[in-house]
Amino acid sequence: MDVEVKHRSTGKKGSFYVEIEGEQEAEMTYTHAGSDKIIIDHTEVGEQLKGQGVGYQLLDATVDFMRKNNLKAIPLCPFAKAVFDKKADDYADVRA
């Protein structure tokens, strides 16, 4: 399922999220760690979207953002860490 991933930032923290009919149904959150790193700390996908690759789409949007802003990630969230480990070659340039 292809969804529109939106981004919101509050300075020190931010998130990539998906809304369906005005309701947030999925989210990946991060916190800035210094000027060149972010900590990916949480991923949540609602029942309506589970099993449809939405978590991967959130991570892809996060990685695009990191590449555009010369940031590295510390993936503490179990989902993000598992994907970073599984696709190590794809994400080597953005892993802290």
PDB file of N, CA and C in Angstrom:
ATOM      1  N   MET A   1       0.850  -1.185   0.000  1.00  0.00           N
ATOM      2  CA  MET A   1       0.000   0.000   0.000  1.00  0.00           C
ATOM      3  C   MET A   1       0.891   1.242   0.000  1.00  0.00           C
ATOM      4  N   ASP A   2       0.652   2.129  -0.936  1.00  0.00           N
ATOM      5  CA  ASP A   2       1.408   3.375  -0.989  1.00  0.00           C
ATOM      6  C   ASP A   2       0.652   4.447  -0.211  1.00  0.00           C
ATOM      7  N   VAL A   3       1.333   5.061   0.724  1.00  0.00           N
ATOM      8  CA  VAL A   3       0.703   6.087   1.553  1.00  0.00           C
ATOM      9  C   VAL A   3       1.531   7.366   1.472  1.00  0.00           C
ATOM     10  N   GLU A   4       0.920   8.470   1.839  1.00  0.00           N
ATOM     11  CA  GLU A   4       1.644   9.741   1.901  1.00  0.00           C
ATOM     12  C   GLU A   4       2.262   9.869   3.285  1.00  0.00           C
ATOM     13  N   VAL A   5       3.588   9.951   3.306  1.00  0.00           N
ATOM     14  CA  VAL A   5       4.299  10.114   4.570  1.00  0.00           C
ATOM     15  C   VAL A   5       4.546  11.601   4.783  1.00  0.00           C
ATOM     16  N   LYS A   6       4.105  12.106   5.931  1.00  0.00           N
ATOM     17  CA  LYS A   6       4.282  13.529   6.265  1.00  0.00           C
ATOM     18  C   LYS A   6       5.366  13.656   7.327  1.00  0.00           C
ATOM     19  N   HIS A   7       5.913  14.865   7.440  1.00  0.00           N
ATOM     20  CA  HIS A   7       6.990  15.121   8.396  1.00  0.00           C
ATOM     21  C   HIS A   7       6.617  16.320   9.256  1.00  0.00           C
ATOM     22  N   ARG A   8       6.909  16.191  10.547  1.00  0.00           N
ATOM     23  CA  ARG A   8       6.740  17.347  11.434  1.00  0.00           C
ATOM     24  C   ARG A   8       7.968  17.400  12.337  1.00  0.00           C
ATOM     25  N   SER A   9       8.418  18.618  12.587  1.00  0.00           N
ATOM     26  CA  SER A   9       9.597  18.798  13.425  1.00  0.00           C
ATOM     27  C   SER A   9       9.313  19.872  14.455  1.00  0.00           C
ATOM     28  N   THR A  10       9.762  19.618  15.685  1.00  0.00           N
ATOM     29  CA  THR A  10       9.574  20.604  16.750  1.00  0.00           C
ATOM     30  C   THR A  10      10.933  21.061  17.259  1.00  0.00           C
ATOM     31  N   GLY A  11      11.893  21.138  16.359  1.00  0.00           N
ATOM     32  CA  GLY A  11      13.227  21.564  16.760  1.00  0.00           C
ATOM     33  C   GLY A  11      14.078  20.389  17.168  1.00  0.00           C
ATOM     34  N   LYS A  12      13.982  19.972  18.424  1.00  0.00           N
ATOM     35  CA  LYS A  12      14.812  18.882  18.944  1.00  0.00           C
ATOM     36  C   LYS A  12      14.263  17.506  18.577  1.00  0.00           C
ATOM     37  N   LYS A  13      12.956  17.432  18.366  1.00  0.00           N
ATOM     38  CA  LYS A  13      12.300  16.160  18.054  1.00  0.00           C
ATOM     39  C   LYS A  13      11.532  16.282  16.743  1.00  0.00           C
ATOM     40  N   GLY A  14      11.183  15.127  16.194  1.00  0.00           N
ATOM     41  CA  GLY A  14      10.385  15.142  14.981  1.00  0.00           C
ATOM     42  C   GLY A  14       9.779  13.782  14.737  1.00  0.00           C
ATOM     43  N   SER A  15       8.932  13.722  13.712  1.00  0.00           N
ATOM     44  CA  SER A  15       8.335  12.443  13.361  1.00  0.00           C
ATOM     45  C   SER A  15       7.936  12.429  11.895  1.00  0.00           C
ATOM     46  N   PHE A  16       7.894  11.235  11.372  1.00  0.00           N
ATOM     47  CA  PHE A  16       7.322  10.968  10.064  1.00  0.00           C
ATOM     48  C   PHE A  16       6.068  10.167  10.351  1.00  0.00           C
ATOM     49  N   TYR A  17       4.971  10.521   9.695  1.00  0.00           N
ATOM     50  CA  TYR A  17       3.704   9.903  10.057  1.00  0.00           C
ATOM     51  C   TYR A  17       2.784   9.775   8.855  1.00  0.00           C
ATOM     52  N   VAL A  18       1.767   8.944   9.034  1.00  0.00           N
ATOM     53  CA  VAL A  18       0.757   8.703   8.005  1.00  0.00           C
ATOM     54  C   VAL A  18      -0.604   8.957   8.630  1.00  0.00           C
ATOM     55  N   GLU A  19      -1.413   9.724   7.919  1.00  0.00           N
ATOM     56  CA  GLU A  19      -2.786   9.971   8.354  1.00  0.00           C
ATOM     57  C   GLU A  19      -3.744   9.319   7.363  1.00  0.00           C
ATOM     58  N   ILE A  20      -4.810   8.768   7.897  1.00  0.00           N
ATOM     59  CA  ILE A  20      -5.888   8.229   7.077  1.00  0.00           C
ATOM     60  C   ILE A  20      -7.158   8.906   7.569  1.00  0.00           C
ATOM     61  N   GLU A  21      -7.817   9.624   6.662  1.00  0.00           N
ATOM     62  CA  GLU A  21      -9.051  10.346   7.004  1.00  0.00           C
ATOM     63  C   GLU A  21      -8.871  11.204   8.253  1.00  0.00           C
ATOM     64  N   GLY A  22      -7.740  11.925   8.305  1.00  0.00           N
ATOM     65  CA  GLY A  22      -7.487  12.863   9.393  1.00  0.00           C
ATOM     66  C   GLY A  22      -6.976  12.252  10.683  1.00  0.00           C
ATOM     67  N   GLU A  23      -6.868  10.937  10.742  1.00  0.00           N
ATOM     68  CA  GLU A  23      -6.378  10.262  11.946  1.00  0.00           C
ATOM     69  C   GLU A  23      -4.974   9.723  11.705  1.00  0.00           C
ATOM     70  N   GLN A  24      -4.080   9.974  12.646  1.00  0.00           N
ATOM     71  CA  GLN A  24      -2.724   9.433  12.526  1.00  0.00           C
ATOM     72  C   GLN A  24      -2.773   7.924  12.731  1.00  0.00           C
ATOM     73  N   GLU A  25      -2.274   7.174  11.737  1.00  0.00           N
ATOM     74  CA  GLU A  25      -2.332   5.710  11.789  1.00  0.00           C
ATOM     75  C   GLU A  25      -0.956   5.059  11.885  1.00  0.00           C
ATOM     76  N   ALA A  26       0.111   5.845  11.660  1.00  0.00           N
ATOM     77  CA  ALA A  26       1.464   5.299  11.743  1.00  0.00           C
ATOM     78  C   ALA A  26       2.429   6.438  12.025  1.00  0.00           C
ATOM     79  N   GLU A  27       3.528   6.112  12.748  1.00  0.00           N
ATOM     80  CA  GLU A  27       4.476   7.161  13.108  1.00  0.00           C
ATOM     81  C   GLU A  27       5.848   6.564  13.404  1.00  0.00           C
ATOM     82  N   MET A  28       6.882   7.286  12.993  1.00  0.00           N
ATOM     83  CA  MET A  28       8.265   6.989  13.375  1.00  0.00           C
ATOM     84  C   MET A  28       8.818   8.274  13.968  1.00  0.00           C
ATOM     85  N   THR A  29       9.288   8.216  15.217  1.00  0.00           N
ATOM     86  CA  THR A  29       9.760   9.421  15.896  1.00  0.00           C
ATOM     87  C   THR A  29      11.273   9.405  16.032  1.00  0.00           C
ATOM     88  N   TYR A  30      11.814  10.621  16.116  1.00  0.00           N
ATOM     89  CA  TYR A  30      13.257  10.764  16.303  1.00  0.00           C
ATOM     90  C   TYR A  30      13.550  11.954  17.196  1.00  0.00           C
ATOM     91  N   THR A  31      14.763  11.931  17.760  1.00  0.00           N
ATOM     92  CA  THR A  31      15.264  13.024  18.581  1.00  0.00           C
ATOM     93  C   THR A  31      16.646  13.378  18.075  1.00  0.00           C
ATOM     94  N   HIS A  32      16.920  14.662  17.939  1.00  0.00           N
ATOM     95  CA  HIS A  32      18.260  15.085  17.526  1.00  0.00           C
ATOM     96  C   HIS A  32      19.257  14.803  18.651  1.00  0.00           C
ATOM     97  N   ALA A  33      20.421  14.300  18.273  1.00  0.00           N
ATOM     98  CA  ALA A  33      21.517  14.046  19.214  1.00  0.00           C
ATOM     99  C   ALA A  33      22.714  14.825  18.700  1.00  0.00           C
ATOM    100  N   GLY A  34      22.836  16.066  19.131  1.00  0.00           N
ATOM    101  CA  GLY A  34      23.882  16.928  18.595  1.00  0.00           C
ATOM    102  C   GLY A  34      23.450  17.491  17.250  1.00  0.00           C
ATOM    103  N   SER A  35      24.415  18.008  16.501  1.00  0.00           N
ATOM    104  CA  SER A  35      24.076  18.691  15.254  1.00  0.00           C
ATOM    105  C   SER A  35      24.035  17.766  14.043  1.00  0.00           C
ATOM    106  N   ASP A  36      24.573  16.542  14.166  1.00  0.00           N
ATOM    107  CA  ASP A  36      24.676  15.703  12.971  1.00  0.00           C
ATOM    108  C   ASP A  36      24.118  14.294  13.144  1.00  0.00           C
ATOM    109  N   LYS A  37      23.393  14.048  14.239  1.00  0.00           N
ATOM    110  CA  LYS A  37      22.836  12.716  14.462  1.00  0.00           C
ATOM    111  C   LYS A  37      21.385  12.819  14.932  1.00  0.00           C
ATOM    112  N   ILE A  38      20.627  11.769  14.602  1.00  0.00           N
ATOM    113  CA  ILE A  38      19.295  11.621  15.181  1.00  0.00           C
ATOM    114  C   ILE A  38      19.188  10.219  15.757  1.00  0.00           C
ATOM    115  N   ILE A  39      18.371  10.107  16.789  1.00  0.00           N
ATOM    116  CA  ILE A  39      18.059   8.816  17.390  1.00  0.00           C
ATOM    117  C   ILE A  39      16.648   8.457  16.933  1.00  0.00           C
ATOM    118  N   ILE A  40      16.523   7.356  16.199  1.00  0.00           N
ATOM    119  CA  ILE A  40      15.194   6.871  15.838  1.00  0.00           C
ATOM    120  C   ILE A  40      14.712   6.061  17.036  1.00  0.00           C
ATOM    121  N   ASP A  41      13.697   6.585  17.726  1.00  0.00           N
ATOM    122  CA  ASP A  41      13.355   5.996  19.018  1.00  0.00           C
ATOM    123  C   ASP A  41      12.037   5.246  19.082  1.00  0.00           C
ATOM    124  N   HIS A  42      11.197   5.371  18.068  1.00  0.00           N
ATOM    125  CA  HIS A  42       9.896   4.696  18.174  1.00  0.00           C
ATOM    126  C   HIS A  42       9.260   4.566  16.798  1.00  0.00           C
ATOM    127  N   THR A  43       8.653   3.422  16.552  1.00  0.00           N
ATOM    128  CA  THR A  43       7.842   3.209  15.348  1.00  0.00           C
ATOM    129  C   THR A  43       6.558   2.536  15.776  1.00  0.00           C
ATOM    130  N   GLU A  44       5.456   3.044  15.250  1.00  0.00           N
ATOM    131  CA  GLU A  44       4.160   2.456  15.562  1.00  0.00           C
ATOM    132  C   GLU A  44       3.290   2.486  14.314  1.00  0.00           C
ATOM    133  N   VAL A  45       2.689   1.354  13.998  1.00  0.00           N
ATOM    134  CA  VAL A  45       1.782   1.259  12.849  1.00  0.00           C
ATOM    135  C   VAL A  45       0.462   0.701  13.355  1.00  0.00           C
ATOM    136  N   GLY A  46      -0.616   1.426  13.089  1.00  0.00           N
ATOM    137  CA  GLY A  46      -1.941   1.012  13.548  1.00  0.00           C
ATOM    138  C   GLY A  46      -2.422  -0.250  12.858  1.00  0.00           C
ATOM    139  N   GLU A  47      -3.417  -0.887  13.460  1.00  0.00           N
ATOM    140  CA  GLU A  47      -3.965  -2.157  12.958  1.00  0.00           C
ATOM    141  C   GLU A  47      -4.377  -2.060  11.484  1.00  0.00           C
ATOM    142  N   GLN A  48      -4.955  -0.932  11.118  1.00  0.00           N
ATOM    143  CA  GLN A  48      -5.464  -0.739   9.756  1.00  0.00           C
ATOM    144  C   GLN A  48      -4.354  -0.862   8.701  1.00  0.00           C
ATOM    145  N   LEU A  49      -3.115  -0.541   9.072  1.00  0.00           N
ATOM    146  CA  LEU A  49      -2.019  -0.515   8.101  1.00  0.00           C
ATOM    147  C   LEU A  49      -0.985  -1.620   8.310  1.00  0.00           C
ATOM    148  N   LYS A  50      -1.118  -2.405   9.373  1.00  0.00           N
ATOM    149  CA  LYS A  50      -0.111  -3.437   9.681  1.00  0.00           C
ATOM    150  C   LYS A  50       0.052  -4.413   8.529  1.00  0.00           C
ATOM    151  N   GLY A  51       1.302  -4.833   8.314  1.00  0.00           N
ATOM    152  CA  GLY A  51       1.584  -5.845   7.309  1.00  0.00           C
ATOM    153  C   GLY A  51       1.566  -5.355   5.875  1.00  0.00           C
ATOM    154  N   GLN A  52       1.539  -4.031   5.684  1.00  0.00           N
ATOM    155  CA  GLN A  52       1.449  -3.476   4.334  1.00  0.00           C
ATOM    156  C   GLN A  52       2.691  -2.678   3.946  1.00  0.00           C
ATOM    157  N   GLY A  53       3.770  -2.815   4.706  1.00  0.00           N
ATOM    158  CA  GLY A  53       5.014  -2.139   4.360  1.00  0.00           C
ATOM    159  C   GLY A  53       5.083  -0.676   4.765  1.00  0.00           C
ATOM    160  N   VAL A  54       4.144  -0.227   5.572  1.00  0.00           N
ATOM    161  CA  VAL A  54       4.109   1.185   5.957  1.00  0.00           C
ATOM    162  C   VAL A  54       5.302   1.548   6.837  1.00  0.00           C
ATOM    163  N   GLY A  55       5.721   0.642   7.710  1.00  0.00           N
ATOM    164  CA  GLY A  55       6.910   0.896   8.538  1.00  0.00           C
ATOM    165  C   GLY A  55       8.131   1.150   7.675  1.00  0.00           C
ATOM    166  N   TYR A  56       8.268   0.368   6.600  1.00  0.00           N
ATOM    167  CA  TYR A  56       9.395   0.567   5.679  1.00  0.00           C
ATOM    168  C   TYR A  56       9.300   1.921   4.977  1.00  0.00           C
ATOM    169  N   GLN A  57       8.080   2.332   4.631  1.00  0.00           N
ATOM    170  CA  GLN A  57       7.900   3.636   3.987  1.00  0.00           C
ATOM    171  C   GLN A  57       8.268   4.772   4.941  1.00  0.00           C
ATOM    172  N   LEU A  58       7.927   4.615   6.224  1.00  0.00           N
ATOM    173  CA  LEU A  58       8.318   5.613   7.220  1.00  0.00           C
ATOM    174  C   LEU A  58       9.842   5.686   7.315  1.00  0.00           C
ATOM    175  N   LEU A  59      10.484   4.518   7.339  1.00  0.00           N
ATOM    176  CA  LEU A  59      11.942   4.501   7.442  1.00  0.00           C
ATOM    177  C   LEU A  59      12.590   5.088   6.194  1.00  0.00           C
ATOM    178  N   ASP A  60      12.041   4.783   5.015  1.00  0.00           N
ATOM    179  CA  ASP A  60      12.580   5.356   3.771  1.00  0.00           C
ATOM    180  C   ASP A  60      12.496   6.884   3.795  1.00  0.00           C
ATOM    181  N   ALA A  61      11.383   7.418   4.267  1.00  0.00           N
ATOM    182  CA  ALA A  61      11.226   8.873   4.353  1.00  0.00           C
ATOM    183  C   ALA A  61      12.228   9.463   5.343  1.00  0.00           C
ATOM    184  N   THR A  62      12.443   8.772   6.456  1.00  0.00           N
ATOM    185  CA  THR A  62      13.402   9.230   7.458  1.00  0.00           C
ATOM    186  C   THR A  62      14.811   9.228   6.881  1.00  0.00           C
ATOM    187  N   VAL A  63      15.172   8.169   6.169  1.00  0.00           N
ATOM    188  CA  VAL A  63      16.509   8.065   5.569  1.00  0.00           C
ATOM    189  C   VAL A  63      16.700   9.144   4.494  1.00  0.00           C
ATOM    190  N   ASP A  64      15.673   9.398   3.677  1.00  0.00           N
ATOM    191  CA  ASP A  64      15.768  10.483   2.681  1.00  0.00           C
ATOM    192  C   ASP A  64      16.054  11.815   3.368  1.00  0.00           C
ATOM    193  N   PHE A  65      15.328  12.079   4.449  1.00  0.00           N
ATOM    194  CA  PHE A  65      15.518  13.306   5.224  1.00  0.00           C
ATOM    195  C   PHE A  65      16.949  13.383   5.761  1.00  0.00           C
ATOM    196  N   MET A  66      17.458  12.273   6.278  1.00  0.00           N
ATOM    197  CA  MET A  66      18.815  12.263   6.831  1.00  0.00           C
ATOM    198  C   MET A  66      19.848  12.538   5.736  1.00  0.00           C
ATOM    199  N   ARG A  67      19.680  11.928   4.596  1.00  0.00           N
ATOM    200  CA  ARG A  67      20.636  12.137   3.494  1.00  0.00           C
ATOM    201  C   ARG A  67      20.627  13.587   3.031  1.00  0.00           C
ATOM    202  N   LYS A  68      19.455  14.186   2.924  1.00  0.00           N
ATOM    203  CA  LYS A  68      19.361  15.588   2.482  1.00  0.00           C
ATOM    204  C   LYS A  68      19.964  16.551   3.493  1.00  0.00           C
ATOM    205  N   ASN A  69      19.990  16.142   4.762  1.00  0.00           N
ATOM    206  CA  ASN A  69      20.461  17.031   5.834  1.00  0.00           C
ATOM    207  C   ASN A  69      21.780  16.583   6.453  1.00  0.00           C
ATOM    208  N   ASN A  70      22.477  15.666   5.779  1.00  0.00           N
ATOM    209  CA  ASN A  70      23.770  15.162   6.251  1.00  0.00           C
ATOM    210  C   ASN A  70      23.721  14.695   7.704  1.00  0.00           C
ATOM    211  N   LEU A  71      22.730  13.867   8.000  1.00  0.00           N
ATOM    212  CA  LEU A  71      22.557  13.339   9.353  1.00  0.00           C
ATOM    213  C   LEU A  71      22.857  11.845   9.378  1.00  0.00           C
ATOM    214  N   LYS A  72      23.254  11.361  10.537  1.00  0.00           N
ATOM    215  CA  LYS A  72      23.462   9.937  10.772  1.00  0.00           C
ATOM    216  C   LYS A  72      22.420   9.486  11.798  1.00  0.00           C
ATOM    217  N   ALA A  73      22.081   8.199  11.767  1.00  0.00           N
ATOM    218  CA  ALA A  73      21.050   7.686  12.675  1.00  0.00           C
ATOM    219  C   ALA A  73      21.632   6.726  13.690  1.00  0.00           C
ATOM    220  N   ILE A  74      21.075   6.803  14.879  1.00  0.00           N
ATOM    221  CA  ILE A  74      21.289   5.805  15.910  1.00  0.00           C
ATOM    222  C   ILE A  74      19.919   5.129  16.052  1.00  0.00           C
ATOM    223  N   PRO A  75      19.749   3.927  15.459  1.00  0.00           N
ATOM    224  CA  PRO A  75      18.425   3.290  15.493  1.00  0.00           C
ATOM    225  C   PRO A  75      18.200   2.518  16.794  1.00  0.00           C
ATOM    226  N   LEU A  76      17.573   3.156  17.770  1.00  0.00           N
ATOM    227  CA  LEU A  76      17.272   2.497  19.043  1.00  0.00           C
ATOM    228  C   LEU A  76      15.935   1.758  19.011  1.00  0.00           C
ATOM    229  N   CYS A  77      15.028   2.216  18.184  1.00  0.00           N
ATOM    230  CA  CYS A  77      13.747   1.541  18.019  1.00  0.00           C
ATOM    231  C   CYS A  77      13.997   0.130  17.470  1.00  0.00           C
ATOM    232  N   PRO A  78      13.394  -0.904  18.061  1.00  0.00           N
ATOM    233  CA  PRO A  78      13.647  -2.279  17.603  1.00  0.00           C
ATOM    234  C   PRO A  78      13.369  -2.491  16.116  1.00  0.00           C
ATOM    235  N   PHE A  79      12.291  -1.902  15.589  1.00  0.00           N
ATOM    236  CA  PHE A  79      11.985  -2.058  14.163  1.00  0.00           C
ATOM    237  C   PHE A  79      13.075  -1.425  13.305  1.00  0.00           C
ATOM    238  N   ALA A  80      13.406  -0.163  13.587  1.00  0.00           N
ATOM    239  CA  ALA A  80      14.427   0.533  12.792  1.00  0.00           C
ATOM    240  C   ALA A  80      15.766  -0.195  12.883  1.00  0.00           C
ATOM    241  N   LYS A  81      16.125  -0.650  14.073  1.00  0.00           N
ATOM    242  CA  LYS A  81      17.395  -1.359  14.240  1.00  0.00           C
ATOM    243  C   LYS A  81      17.409  -2.641  13.419  1.00  0.00           C
ATOM    244  N   ALA A  82      16.309  -3.386  13.435  1.00  0.00           N
ATOM    245  CA  ALA A  82      16.228  -4.638  12.672  1.00  0.00           C
ATOM    246  C   ALA A  82      16.384  -4.375  11.173  1.00  0.00           C
ATOM    247  N   VAL A  83      15.748  -3.320  10.679  1.00  0.00           N
ATOM    248  CA  VAL A  83      15.852  -3.009   9.245  1.00  0.00           C
ATOM    249  C   VAL A  83      17.256  -2.509   8.913  1.00  0.00           C
ATOM    250  N   PHE A  84      17.822  -1.673   9.761  1.00  0.00           N
ATOM    251  CA  PHE A  84      19.197  -1.199   9.538  1.00  0.00           C
ATOM    252  C   PHE A  84      20.160  -2.389   9.496  1.00  0.00           C
ATOM    253  N   ASP A  85      19.952  -3.381  10.377  1.00  0.00           N
ATOM    254  CA  ASP A  85      20.815  -4.560  10.402  1.00  0.00           C
ATOM    255  C   ASP A  85      20.603  -5.424   9.155  1.00  0.00           C
ATOM    256  N   LYS A  86      19.337  -5.596   8.767  1.00  0.00           N
ATOM    257  CA  LYS A  86      19.012  -6.458   7.632  1.00  0.00           C
ATOM    258  C   LYS A  86      19.479  -5.846   6.305  1.00  0.00           C
ATOM    259  N   LYS A  87      19.385  -4.528   6.188  1.00  0.00           N
ATOM    260  CA  LYS A  87      19.751  -3.834   4.953  1.00  0.00           C
ATOM    261  C   LYS A  87      20.986  -2.956   5.190  1.00  0.00           C
ATOM    262  N   ALA A  88      21.975  -3.530   5.851  1.00  0.00           N
ATOM    263  CA  ALA A  88      23.154  -2.781   6.270  1.00  0.00           C
ATOM    264  C   ALA A  88      23.815  -2.040   5.113  1.00  0.00           C
ATOM    265  N   ASP A  89      23.920  -2.670   3.948  1.00  0.00           N
ATOM    266  CA  ASP A  89      24.572  -2.031   2.807  1.00  0.00           C
ATOM    267  C   ASP A  89      23.797  -0.808   2.324  1.00  0.00           C
ATOM    268  N   ASP A  90      22.469  -0.891   2.339  1.00  0.00           N
ATOM    269  CA  ASP A  90      21.621   0.217   1.865  1.00  0.00           C
ATOM    270  C   ASP A  90      21.721   1.437   2.780  1.00  0.00           C
ATOM    271  N   TYR A  91      21.963   1.182   4.068  1.00  0.00           N
ATOM    272  CA  TYR A  91      21.914   2.271   5.047  1.00  0.00           C
ATOM    273  C   TYR A  91      23.267   2.599   5.681  1.00  0.00           C
ATOM    274  N   ALA A  92      24.329   2.011   5.166  1.00  0.00           N
ATOM    275  CA  ALA A  92      25.662   2.226   5.760  1.00  0.00           C
ATOM    276  C   ALA A  92      26.033   3.701   5.799  1.00  0.00           C
ATOM    277  N   ASP A  93      25.611   4.472   4.802  1.00  0.00           N
ATOM    278  CA  ASP A  93      25.988   5.895   4.730  1.00  0.00           C
ATOM    279  C   ASP A  93      25.283   6.756   5.775  1.00  0.00           C
ATOM    280  N   VAL A  94      24.201   6.242   6.371  1.00  0.00           N
ATOM    281  CA  VAL A  94      23.469   7.058   7.344  1.00  0.00           C
ATOM    282  C   VAL A  94      23.480   6.470   8.746  1.00  0.00           C
ATOM    283  N   ARG A  95      24.187   5.377   8.945  1.00  0.00           N
ATOM    284  CA  ARG A  95      24.232   4.788  10.291  1.00  0.00           C
ATOM    285  C   ARG A  95      25.396   5.374  11.076  1.00  0.00           C
ATOM    286  N   ALA A  96      25.100   5.814  12.285  1.00  0.00           N
ATOM    287  CA  ALA A  96      26.138   6.414  13.142  1.00  0.00           C
ATOM    288  C   ALA A  96      27.056   5.341  13.682  1.00  0.00           C
TER     289      ALA A  96
END
